[in-house]
Amino acid sequence: MRIAIAGDHTAVSLKEQLVAHVRGIGHETVDFGVFAGESVDYPLMAERAARAVADGSCDRGLLFCGTGQGMMMSANKVRGIRCAVCIDCYSAQMARRHNDANMMAFGSRVLGVELAKLLAETFLQTPFEGGRHTRRVDMIMDLERRMHGENLT
């Protein structure tokens, strides 16, 4: 898979370690930055990666900031994105299996590197279960379209 990556200045080290890990397990990464500790606005970083996932140029995305919350909130404003913050493998698995999450946000101030690696692996390796969950994901996407004023008929 091709994975969009972005982070802010609080998570440069975690992002770099996860990029190496994700490549090591066989995925291609597209890194939208930030590449050093210079202060950046996380909504801009999240948007870059989220647009790549939304337009299909990347299959999934991983985002990094202090808690993951700001990146997740920002990414979820991009139409077509379902981004989750997960702090355990079960949540990461269910975000994929039941919600078809296409992005995941990590908090460098709340996660250790090894747990972040396990979360990323779980997220990237877990397929969407489909079935009854497809209807629910479709409902989420219909809600998104209605909130943006699109006619559903």
C-alpha atoms as a PDB file:
ATOM      1  CA  MET A   1       0.000   0.000   0.000  1.00  0.00           C
ATOM      2  CA  ARG A   2       0.942   3.619  -0.447  1.00  0.00           C
ATOM      3  CA  ILE A   3       0.719   5.449   2.889  1.00  0.00           C
ATOM      4  CA  ALA A   4       0.401   9.234   3.307  1.00  0.00           C
ATOM      5  CA  ILE A   5       2.387  10.510   6.292  1.00  0.00           C
ATOM      6  CA  ALA A   6       2.317  13.907   8.006  1.00  0.00           C
ATOM      7  CA  GLY A   7       3.218  15.296  11.397  1.00  0.00           C
ATOM      8  CA  ASP A   8       3.819  18.462  13.308  1.00  0.00           C
ATOM      9  CA  HIS A   9       6.894  19.667  15.179  1.00  0.00           C
ATOM     10  CA  THR A  10       5.985  17.758  18.370  1.00  0.00           C
ATOM     11  CA  ALA A  11       6.173  14.387  16.654  1.00  0.00           C
ATOM     12  CA  VAL A  12       9.153  14.487  14.268  1.00  0.00           C
ATOM     13  CA  SER A  13      11.010  11.657  15.991  1.00  0.00           C
ATOM     14  CA  LEU A  14       7.975   9.352  16.261  1.00  0.00           C
ATOM     15  CA  LYS A  15       7.019  10.063  12.641  1.00  0.00           C
ATOM     16  CA  GLU A  16      10.528   9.258  11.402  1.00  0.00           C
ATOM     17  CA  GLN A  17      10.618   5.985  13.340  1.00  0.00           C
ATOM     18  CA  LEU A  18       7.187   4.963  12.066  1.00  0.00           C
ATOM     19  CA  VAL A  19       8.087   5.842   8.464  1.00  0.00           C
ATOM     20  CA  ALA A  20      11.075   3.491   8.708  1.00  0.00           C
ATOM     21  CA  HIS A  21       8.925   0.794  10.288  1.00  0.00           C
ATOM     22  CA  VAL A  22       6.119   1.091   7.734  1.00  0.00           C
ATOM     23  CA  ARG A  23       8.644   0.874   4.899  1.00  0.00           C
ATOM     24  CA  GLY A  24      10.244  -2.095   6.634  1.00  0.00           C
ATOM     25  CA  ILE A  25       6.980  -4.035   6.569  1.00  0.00           C
ATOM     26  CA  GLY A  26       6.638  -3.458   2.848  1.00  0.00           C
ATOM     27  CA  HIS A  27       4.647  -0.285   2.341  1.00  0.00           C
ATOM     28  CA  GLU A  28       5.533   2.779   0.309  1.00  0.00           C
ATOM     29  CA  THR A  29       5.308   6.113   2.129  1.00  0.00           C
ATOM     30  CA  VAL A  30       4.652   9.620   0.887  1.00  0.00           C
ATOM     31  CA  ASP A  31       5.891  12.005   3.577  1.00  0.00           C
ATOM     32  CA  PHE A  32       4.224  15.419   3.588  1.00  0.00           C
ATOM     33  CA  GLY A  33       6.430  16.663   6.438  1.00  0.00           C
ATOM     34  CA  VAL A  34       7.337  18.242   8.749  1.00  0.00           C
ATOM     35  CA  PHE A  35      10.977  17.156   8.532  1.00  0.00           C
ATOM     36  CA  ALA A  36      12.560  19.105  11.378  1.00  0.00           C
ATOM     37  CA  GLY A  37      11.512  20.663  14.646  1.00  0.00           C
ATOM     38  CA  GLU A  38      10.310  23.963  13.159  1.00  0.00           C
ATOM     39  CA  SER A  39       6.903  24.966  14.445  1.00  0.00           C
ATOM     40  CA  VAL A  40       4.079  24.249  12.007  1.00  0.00           C
ATOM     41  CA  ASP A  41       0.307  24.413  12.137  1.00  0.00           C
ATOM     42  CA  TYR A  42      -0.960  20.834  12.361  1.00  0.00           C
ATOM     43  CA  PRO A  43      -4.203  21.476  10.407  1.00  0.00           C
ATOM     44  CA  LEU A  44      -2.137  22.281   7.312  1.00  0.00           C
ATOM     45  CA  MET A  45      -0.078  19.116   7.682  1.00  0.00           C
ATOM     46  CA  ALA A  46      -3.153  16.947   8.249  1.00  0.00           C
ATOM     47  CA  GLU A  47      -4.881  18.432   5.216  1.00  0.00           C
ATOM     48  CA  ARG A  48      -1.985  17.611   2.892  1.00  0.00           C
ATOM     49  CA  ALA A  49      -1.981  13.940   3.819  1.00  0.00           C
ATOM     50  CA  ALA A  50      -5.780  13.675   4.021  1.00  0.00           C
ATOM     51  CA  ARG A  51      -6.221  15.077   0.524  1.00  0.00           C
ATOM     52  CA  ALA A  52      -3.829  12.436  -0.815  1.00  0.00           C
ATOM     53  CA  VAL A  53      -5.937   9.698   0.789  1.00  0.00           C
ATOM     54  CA  ALA A  54      -9.226  11.287  -0.278  1.00  0.00           C
ATOM     55  CA  ASP A  55      -8.158  11.639  -3.926  1.00  0.00           C
ATOM     56  CA  GLY A  56      -6.857   8.065  -4.042  1.00  0.00           C
ATOM     57  CA  SER A  57      -3.188   8.853  -4.627  1.00  0.00           C
ATOM     58  CA  CYS A  58      -2.516   7.158  -1.265  1.00  0.00           C
ATOM     59  CA  ASP A  59      -4.356   4.151   0.148  1.00  0.00           C
ATOM     60  CA  ARG A  60      -4.249   5.124   3.820  1.00  0.00           C
ATOM     61  CA  GLY A  61      -2.657   7.731   6.039  1.00  0.00           C
ATOM     62  CA  LEU A  62      -0.816   8.053   9.326  1.00  0.00           C
ATOM     63  CA  LEU A  63      -0.700  11.374  11.163  1.00  0.00           C
ATOM     64  CA  PHE A  64       1.436  12.507  14.110  1.00  0.00           C
ATOM     65  CA  CYS A  65       1.140  15.301  16.668  1.00  0.00           C
ATOM     66  CA  GLY A  66       1.294  15.624  20.456  1.00  0.00           C
ATOM     67  CA  THR A  67      -1.907  13.708  21.241  1.00  0.00           C
ATOM     68  CA  GLY A  68      -3.216  12.760  17.795  1.00  0.00           C
ATOM     69  CA  GLN A  69      -6.437  14.622  18.509  1.00  0.00           C
ATOM     70  CA  GLY A  70      -5.737  17.805  16.539  1.00  0.00           C
ATOM     71  CA  MET A  71      -4.539  15.906  13.487  1.00  0.00           C
ATOM     72  CA  MET A  72      -7.555  13.590  13.646  1.00  0.00           C
ATOM     73  CA  MET A  73     -10.004  16.477  13.916  1.00  0.00           C
ATOM     74  CA  SER A  74      -8.345  18.298  11.034  1.00  0.00           C
ATOM     75  CA  ALA A  75      -8.156  15.255   8.748  1.00  0.00           C
ATOM     76  CA  ASN A  76     -11.817  14.439   9.368  1.00  0.00           C
ATOM     77  CA  LYS A  77     -12.787  17.806   7.853  1.00  0.00           C
ATOM     78  CA  VAL A  78     -11.563  16.559   4.458  1.00  0.00           C
ATOM     79  CA  ARG A  79     -14.397  14.927   2.562  1.00  0.00           C
ATOM     80  CA  GLY A  80     -14.005  11.160   2.393  1.00  0.00           C
ATOM     81  CA  ILE A  81     -11.714  10.815   5.396  1.00  0.00           C
ATOM     82  CA  ARG A  82     -12.458   8.610   8.383  1.00  0.00           C
ATOM     83  CA  CYS A  83      -9.548   9.173  10.765  1.00  0.00           C
ATOM     84  CA  ALA A  84      -9.270   7.518  14.174  1.00  0.00           C
ATOM     85  CA  VAL A  85      -7.057   8.059  17.212  1.00  0.00           C
ATOM     86  CA  CYS A  86      -6.276   4.716  18.815  1.00  0.00           C
ATOM     87  CA  ILE A  87      -4.230   3.910  21.900  1.00  0.00           C
ATOM     88  CA  ASP A  88      -4.709   0.144  21.859  1.00  0.00           C
ATOM     89  CA  CYS A  89      -4.597  -2.553  19.184  1.00  0.00           C
ATOM     90  CA  TYR A  90      -8.236  -3.546  19.631  1.00  0.00           C
ATOM     91  CA  SER A  91      -9.408  -0.014  18.819  1.00  0.00           C
ATOM     92  CA  ALA A  92      -7.096   0.145  15.805  1.00  0.00           C
ATOM     93  CA  GLN A  93      -8.440  -3.175  14.578  1.00  0.00           C
ATOM     94  CA  MET A  94     -12.079  -2.167  15.061  1.00  0.00           C
ATOM     95  CA  ALA A  95     -11.519   1.221  13.401  1.00  0.00           C
ATOM     96  CA  ARG A  96     -10.576  -0.740  10.285  1.00  0.00           C
ATOM     97  CA  ARG A  97     -12.900  -3.746  10.556  1.00  0.00           C
ATOM     98  CA  HIS A  98     -16.091  -1.910  11.454  1.00  0.00           C
ATOM     99  CA  ASN A  99     -15.545   1.733  10.451  1.00  0.00           C
ATOM    100  CA  ASP A 100     -13.275   1.367   7.400  1.00  0.00           C
ATOM    101  CA  ALA A 101     -11.018   4.089   8.829  1.00  0.00           C
ATOM    102  CA  ASN A 102      -8.612   5.247   6.161  1.00  0.00           C
ATOM    103  CA  MET A 103      -6.355   7.318   8.411  1.00  0.00           C
ATOM    104  CA  MET A 104      -5.022   7.008  11.929  1.00  0.00           C
ATOM    105  CA  ALA A 105      -3.520   9.698  14.157  1.00  0.00           C
ATOM    106  CA  PHE A 106      -0.813   9.103  16.758  1.00  0.00           C
ATOM    107  CA  GLY A 107       0.166  11.145  19.806  1.00  0.00           C
ATOM    108  CA  SER A 108       3.900  11.429  20.388  1.00  0.00           C
ATOM    109  CA  ARG A 109       3.325  12.641  23.948  1.00  0.00           C
ATOM    110  CA  VAL A 110       1.057   9.728  24.892  1.00  0.00           C
ATOM    111  CA  LEU A 111       2.433   6.707  22.978  1.00  0.00           C
ATOM    112  CA  GLY A 112       5.748   4.903  23.109  1.00  0.00           C
ATOM    113  CA  VAL A 113       7.465   3.992  19.855  1.00  0.00           C
ATOM    114  CA  GLU A 114       6.929   0.238  20.154  1.00  0.00           C
ATOM    115  CA  LEU A 115       3.210   0.588  20.849  1.00  0.00           C
ATOM    116  CA  ALA A 116       2.919   3.033  17.940  1.00  0.00           C
ATOM    117  CA  LYS A 117       4.562   0.438  15.672  1.00  0.00           C
ATOM    118  CA  LEU A 118       2.089  -2.233  16.781  1.00  0.00           C
ATOM    119  CA  LEU A 119      -0.834   0.143  16.260  1.00  0.00           C
ATOM    120  CA  ALA A 120       0.359   1.045  12.772  1.00  0.00           C
ATOM    121  CA  GLU A 121       0.825  -2.613  11.828  1.00  0.00           C
ATOM    122  CA  THR A 122      -2.609  -3.518  13.151  1.00  0.00           C
ATOM    123  CA  PHE A 123      -4.210  -0.598  11.325  1.00  0.00           C
ATOM    124  CA  LEU A 124      -2.461  -1.327   8.030  1.00  0.00           C
ATOM    125  CA  GLN A 125      -2.971  -5.103   8.082  1.00  0.00           C
ATOM    126  CA  THR A 126      -6.619  -5.215   9.152  1.00  0.00           C
ATOM    127  CA  PRO A 127      -9.166  -5.373   6.320  1.00  0.00           C
ATOM    128  CA  PHE A 128     -12.609  -3.799   6.365  1.00  0.00           C
ATOM    129  CA  GLU A 129     -15.111  -6.482   7.354  1.00  0.00           C
ATOM    130  CA  GLY A 130     -17.934  -5.200   5.151  1.00  0.00           C
ATOM    131  CA  GLY A 131     -21.339  -6.827   5.642  1.00  0.00           C
ATOM    132  CA  ARG A 132     -23.572  -4.947   8.054  1.00  0.00           C
ATOM    133  CA  HIS A 133     -20.752  -2.442   8.596  1.00  0.00           C
ATOM    134  CA  THR A 134     -20.919  -1.292   4.971  1.00  0.00           C
ATOM    135  CA  ARG A 135     -24.385   0.124   5.553  1.00  0.00           C
ATOM    136  CA  ARG A 136     -23.159   2.023   8.603  1.00  0.00           C
ATOM    137  CA  VAL A 137     -20.088   3.429   6.874  1.00  0.00           C
ATOM    138  CA  ASP A 138     -22.369   4.457   3.994  1.00  0.00           C
ATOM    139  CA  MET A 139     -24.550   6.249   6.556  1.00  0.00           C
ATOM    140  CA  ILE A 140     -21.502   8.140   7.840  1.00  0.00           C
ATOM    141  CA  MET A 141     -20.603   9.172   4.298  1.00  0.00           C
ATOM    142  CA  ASP A 142     -24.229  10.181   3.571  1.00  0.00           C
ATOM    143  CA  LEU A 143     -24.165  12.352   6.691  1.00  0.00           C
ATOM    144  CA  GLU A 144     -20.982  13.969   5.428  1.00  0.00           C
ATOM    145  CA  ARG A 145     -22.588  14.720   2.053  1.00  0.00           C
ATOM    146  CA  ARG A 146     -25.711  16.159   3.709  1.00  0.00           C
ATOM    147  CA  MET A 147     -23.615  18.360   5.985  1.00  0.00           C
ATOM    148  CA  HIS A 148     -21.861  19.724   2.901  1.00  0.00           C
ATOM    149  CA  GLY A 149     -25.176  20.477   1.220  1.00  0.00           C
ATOM    150  CA  GLU A 150     -25.040  17.849  -1.508  1.00  0.00           C
ATOM    151  CA  ASN A 151     -28.325  16.582  -2.926  1.00  0.00           C
ATOM    152  CA  LEU A 152     -28.604  12.839  -2.233  1.00  0.00           C
ATOM    153  CA  THR A 153     -31.361  12.140  -4.767  1.00  0.00           C
END
